[in-house]
Amino acid sequence: MPTNLQVWMWAEACEALARAERLQREFFRPAAQSNWEPPIDVFETEGELWILAALPGVAAPAVEIGVDGGVLVISGDRRPPAAQRAATIHRLEIPQGRFERRIALPGGRYDLVRHDVRDGCLTIVLRKRG
């Protein structure tokens, strides 16, 4: 039976490996690809699929939505605010630049009902087809 210390050490080792893999993917990502992936929530009702993506500071016209096979693709660009260009930066945590998120859709066929960007969040509603 493993001790609490062994369980903790194993969890820390697994997290370190996951961090190393993320860093390696970022390091070897070609420059033409996206810089960041927005976090998402996906939930399903009886008749619809809802996707929420956190896109702080991204205007609606800067967002592109498409479907590639059974994958929903959200992409666009988050530009830094104009004031940032002349400012002394103390911390940057909100990602900037090109973004793309690919979301495998559950089996079935869907129609886009609506999408909008409000309060830093993109909402996409897909209606399930018969």
C-alpha atoms as a PDB file:
ATOM      1  CA  MET A   1       0.000   0.000   0.000  1.00  0.00           C
ATOM      2  CA  PRO A   2       1.622   3.298  -1.078  1.00  0.00           C
ATOM      3  CA  THR A   3       2.074   6.016   1.513  1.00  0.00           C
ATOM      4  CA  ASN A   4       0.703   9.536   1.133  1.00  0.00           C
ATOM      5  CA  LEU A   5       4.213  10.746   0.354  1.00  0.00           C
ATOM      6  CA  GLN A   6       4.602   8.185  -2.437  1.00  0.00           C
ATOM      7  CA  VAL A   7       1.227   9.136  -3.920  1.00  0.00           C
ATOM      8  CA  TRP A   8       2.161  12.828  -3.758  1.00  0.00           C
ATOM      9  CA  MET A   9       5.572  12.186  -5.355  1.00  0.00           C
ATOM     10  CA  TRP A  10       3.964  10.156  -8.148  1.00  0.00           C
ATOM     11  CA  ALA A  11       1.413  12.915  -8.805  1.00  0.00           C
ATOM     12  CA  GLU A  12       4.178  15.540  -8.909  1.00  0.00           C
ATOM     13  CA  ALA A  13       6.244  13.406 -11.304  1.00  0.00           C
ATOM     14  CA  CYS A  14       3.258  12.934 -13.619  1.00  0.00           C
ATOM     15  CA  GLU A  15       2.547  16.683 -13.587  1.00  0.00           C
ATOM     16  CA  ALA A  16       6.222  17.450 -14.360  1.00  0.00           C
ATOM     17  CA  LEU A  17       6.088  15.080 -17.338  1.00  0.00           C
ATOM     18  CA  ALA A  18       2.877  16.697 -18.588  1.00  0.00           C
ATOM     19  CA  ARG A  19       4.465  20.169 -18.289  1.00  0.00           C
ATOM     20  CA  ALA A  20       7.554  18.976 -20.180  1.00  0.00           C
ATOM     21  CA  GLU A  21       5.387  17.558 -22.983  1.00  0.00           C
ATOM     22  CA  ARG A  22       3.442  20.856 -23.266  1.00  0.00           C
ATOM     23  CA  LEU A  23       6.689  22.831 -23.422  1.00  0.00           C
ATOM     24  CA  GLN A  24       8.103  20.500 -26.058  1.00  0.00           C
ATOM     25  CA  ARG A  25       4.946  20.884 -28.200  1.00  0.00           C
ATOM     26  CA  GLU A  26       5.172  24.679 -27.871  1.00  0.00           C
ATOM     27  CA  PHE A  27       8.887  24.727 -28.723  1.00  0.00           C
ATOM     28  CA  PHE A  28       8.530  22.630 -31.867  1.00  0.00           C
ATOM     29  CA  ARG A  29       5.292  24.236 -33.111  1.00  0.00           C
ATOM     30  CA  PRO A  30       5.818  25.851 -36.534  1.00  0.00           C
ATOM     31  CA  ALA A  31       5.526  29.650 -36.520  1.00  0.00           C
ATOM     32  CA  ALA A  32       2.572  29.575 -38.936  1.00  0.00           C
ATOM     33  CA  GLN A  33       0.420  27.729 -36.425  1.00  0.00           C
ATOM     34  CA  SER A  34      -1.537  29.251 -33.583  1.00  0.00           C
ATOM     35  CA  ASN A  35       0.118  30.658 -30.469  1.00  0.00           C
ATOM     36  CA  TRP A  36      -2.552  29.568 -28.005  1.00  0.00           C
ATOM     37  CA  GLU A  37      -5.731  27.537 -27.547  1.00  0.00           C
ATOM     38  CA  PRO A  38      -8.700  29.084 -25.763  1.00  0.00           C
ATOM     39  CA  PRO A  39     -10.165  27.036 -22.904  1.00  0.00           C
ATOM     40  CA  ILE A  40     -13.607  25.626 -23.683  1.00  0.00           C
ATOM     41  CA  ASP A  41     -16.684  24.099 -22.116  1.00  0.00           C
ATOM     42  CA  VAL A  42     -18.810  21.684 -24.153  1.00  0.00           C
ATOM     43  CA  PHE A  43     -22.189  20.490 -23.019  1.00  0.00           C
ATOM     44  CA  GLU A  44     -25.077  18.706 -24.650  1.00  0.00           C
ATOM     45  CA  THR A  45     -28.805  18.960 -24.163  1.00  0.00           C
ATOM     46  CA  GLU A  46     -31.423  16.706 -25.709  1.00  0.00           C
ATOM     47  CA  GLY A  47     -31.497  18.745 -28.924  1.00  0.00           C
ATOM     48  CA  GLU A  48     -28.375  20.935 -28.933  1.00  0.00           C
ATOM     49  CA  LEU A  49     -24.638  21.037 -28.444  1.00  0.00           C
ATOM     50  CA  TRP A  50     -23.231  24.155 -26.739  1.00  0.00           C
ATOM     51  CA  ILE A  51     -19.602  25.232 -26.961  1.00  0.00           C
ATOM     52  CA  LEU A  52     -18.278  28.112 -24.843  1.00  0.00           C
ATOM     53  CA  ALA A  53     -14.772  29.433 -25.505  1.00  0.00           C
ATOM     54  CA  ALA A  54     -12.976  32.017 -23.349  1.00  0.00           C
ATOM     55  CA  LEU A  55     -11.724  34.734 -25.706  1.00  0.00           C
ATOM     56  CA  PRO A  56     -10.823  37.762 -23.571  1.00  0.00           C
ATOM     57  CA  GLY A  57     -10.324  40.910 -25.622  1.00  0.00           C
ATOM     58  CA  VAL A  58     -11.259  39.276 -28.940  1.00  0.00           C
ATOM     59  CA  ALA A  59     -13.792  41.150 -31.065  1.00  0.00           C
ATOM     60  CA  ALA A  60     -16.484  39.147 -32.876  1.00  0.00           C
ATOM     61  CA  PRO A  61     -15.136  39.979 -36.371  1.00  0.00           C
ATOM     62  CA  ALA A  62     -11.750  38.490 -35.388  1.00  0.00           C
ATOM     63  CA  VAL A  63     -13.270  35.026 -34.790  1.00  0.00           C
ATOM     64  CA  GLU A  64     -13.573  32.380 -37.502  1.00  0.00           C
ATOM     65  CA  ILE A  65     -15.736  29.270 -37.075  1.00  0.00           C
ATOM     66  CA  GLY A  66     -15.705  26.275 -39.380  1.00  0.00           C
ATOM     67  CA  VAL A  67     -16.249  22.540 -39.485  1.00  0.00           C
ATOM     68  CA  ASP A  68     -13.590  20.193 -40.826  1.00  0.00           C
ATOM     69  CA  GLY A  69     -15.065  16.700 -40.976  1.00  0.00           C
ATOM     70  CA  GLY A  70     -16.428  16.023 -37.503  1.00  0.00           C
ATOM     71  CA  VAL A  71     -14.262  18.725 -35.934  1.00  0.00           C
ATOM     72  CA  LEU A  72     -15.383  22.252 -35.045  1.00  0.00           C
ATOM     73  CA  VAL A  73     -12.563  24.756 -35.596  1.00  0.00           C
ATOM     74  CA  ILE A  74     -12.481  28.089 -33.742  1.00  0.00           C
ATOM     75  CA  SER A  75      -9.670  30.412 -34.809  1.00  0.00           C
ATOM     76  CA  GLY A  76      -8.733  34.053 -34.950  1.00  0.00           C
ATOM     77  CA  ASP A  77      -6.392  36.652 -33.572  1.00  0.00           C
ATOM     78  CA  ARG A  78      -6.155  38.559 -30.295  1.00  0.00           C
ATOM     79  CA  ARG A  79      -4.323  41.815 -30.777  1.00  0.00           C
ATOM     80  CA  PRO A  80      -2.723  43.619 -27.834  1.00  0.00           C
ATOM     81  CA  PRO A  81      -4.435  46.839 -26.768  1.00  0.00           C
ATOM     82  CA  ALA A  82      -2.960  49.978 -28.341  1.00  0.00           C
ATOM     83  CA  ALA A  83      -1.977  51.368 -24.915  1.00  0.00           C
ATOM     84  CA  GLN A  84       0.300  48.369 -24.376  1.00  0.00           C
ATOM     85  CA  ARG A  85       2.678  49.478 -27.133  1.00  0.00           C
ATOM     86  CA  ALA A  86       3.893  52.510 -25.144  1.00  0.00           C
ATOM     87  CA  ALA A  87       3.545  50.974 -21.686  1.00  0.00           C
ATOM     88  CA  THR A  88       6.020  49.326 -19.364  1.00  0.00           C
ATOM     89  CA  ILE A  89       4.835  45.752 -19.018  1.00  0.00           C
ATOM     90  CA  HIS A  90       4.980  44.221 -15.558  1.00  0.00           C
ATOM     91  CA  ARG A  91       3.055  41.044 -16.313  1.00  0.00           C
ATOM     92  CA  LEU A  92       1.404  39.402 -19.339  1.00  0.00           C
ATOM     93  CA  GLU A  93      -0.803  36.416 -18.579  1.00  0.00           C
ATOM     94  CA  ILE A  94      -3.622  36.787 -21.098  1.00  0.00           C
ATOM     95  CA  PRO A  95      -2.477  35.152 -24.348  1.00  0.00           C
ATOM     96  CA  GLN A  96      -2.093  37.229 -27.486  1.00  0.00           C
ATOM     97  CA  GLY A  97      -1.680  36.493 -31.168  1.00  0.00           C
ATOM     98  CA  ARG A  98      -3.139  33.769 -33.331  1.00  0.00           C
ATOM     99  CA  PHE A  99      -5.360  31.182 -31.659  1.00  0.00           C
ATOM    100  CA  GLU A 100      -6.999  27.979 -32.811  1.00  0.00           C
ATOM    101  CA  ARG A 101      -9.019  25.324 -31.035  1.00  0.00           C
ATOM    102  CA  ARG A 102     -10.149  22.105 -32.683  1.00  0.00           C
ATOM    103  CA  ILE A 103     -13.050  20.317 -30.977  1.00  0.00           C
ATOM    104  CA  ALA A 104     -14.088  16.803 -31.971  1.00  0.00           C
ATOM    105  CA  LEU A 105     -17.881  16.778 -32.129  1.00  0.00           C
ATOM    106  CA  PRO A 106     -19.893  13.843 -30.798  1.00  0.00           C
ATOM    107  CA  GLY A 107     -21.208  11.568 -33.540  1.00  0.00           C
ATOM    108  CA  GLY A 108     -24.148  12.906 -35.512  1.00  0.00           C
ATOM    109  CA  ARG A 109     -24.967  15.856 -37.722  1.00  0.00           C
ATOM    110  CA  TYR A 110     -25.447  19.435 -36.599  1.00  0.00           C
ATOM    111  CA  ASP A 111     -26.731  22.776 -37.856  1.00  0.00           C
ATOM    112  CA  LEU A 112     -25.249  26.016 -36.567  1.00  0.00           C
ATOM    113  CA  VAL A 113     -28.058  27.805 -34.719  1.00  0.00           C
ATOM    114  CA  ARG A 114     -26.133  30.824 -33.475  1.00  0.00           C
ATOM    115  CA  HIS A 115     -22.775  32.131 -32.367  1.00  0.00           C
ATOM    116  CA  ASP A 116     -21.825  35.340 -30.646  1.00  0.00           C
ATOM    117  CA  VAL A 117     -19.021  36.909 -28.681  1.00  0.00           C
ATOM    118  CA  ARG A 118     -20.103  38.651 -25.503  1.00  0.00           C
ATOM    119  CA  ASP A 119     -18.270  39.515 -22.308  1.00  0.00           C
ATOM    120  CA  GLY A 120     -15.091  37.783 -23.504  1.00  0.00           C
ATOM    121  CA  CYS A 121     -16.845  34.502 -24.229  1.00  0.00           C
ATOM    122  CA  LEU A 122     -17.745  32.924 -27.570  1.00  0.00           C
ATOM    123  CA  THR A 123     -20.960  30.906 -27.466  1.00  0.00           C
ATOM    124  CA  ILE A 124     -21.721  28.471 -30.272  1.00  0.00           C
ATOM    125  CA  VAL A 125     -25.015  26.561 -30.382  1.00  0.00           C
ATOM    126  CA  LEU A 126     -25.381  23.597 -32.719  1.00  0.00           C
ATOM    127  CA  ARG A 127     -28.770  21.896 -33.211  1.00  0.00           C
ATOM    128  CA  LYS A 128     -28.782  18.121 -33.611  1.00  0.00           C
ATOM    129  CA  ARG A 129     -30.279  16.916 -36.876  1.00  0.00           C
ATOM    130  CA  GLY A 130     -32.974  14.211 -36.758  1.00  0.00           C
END
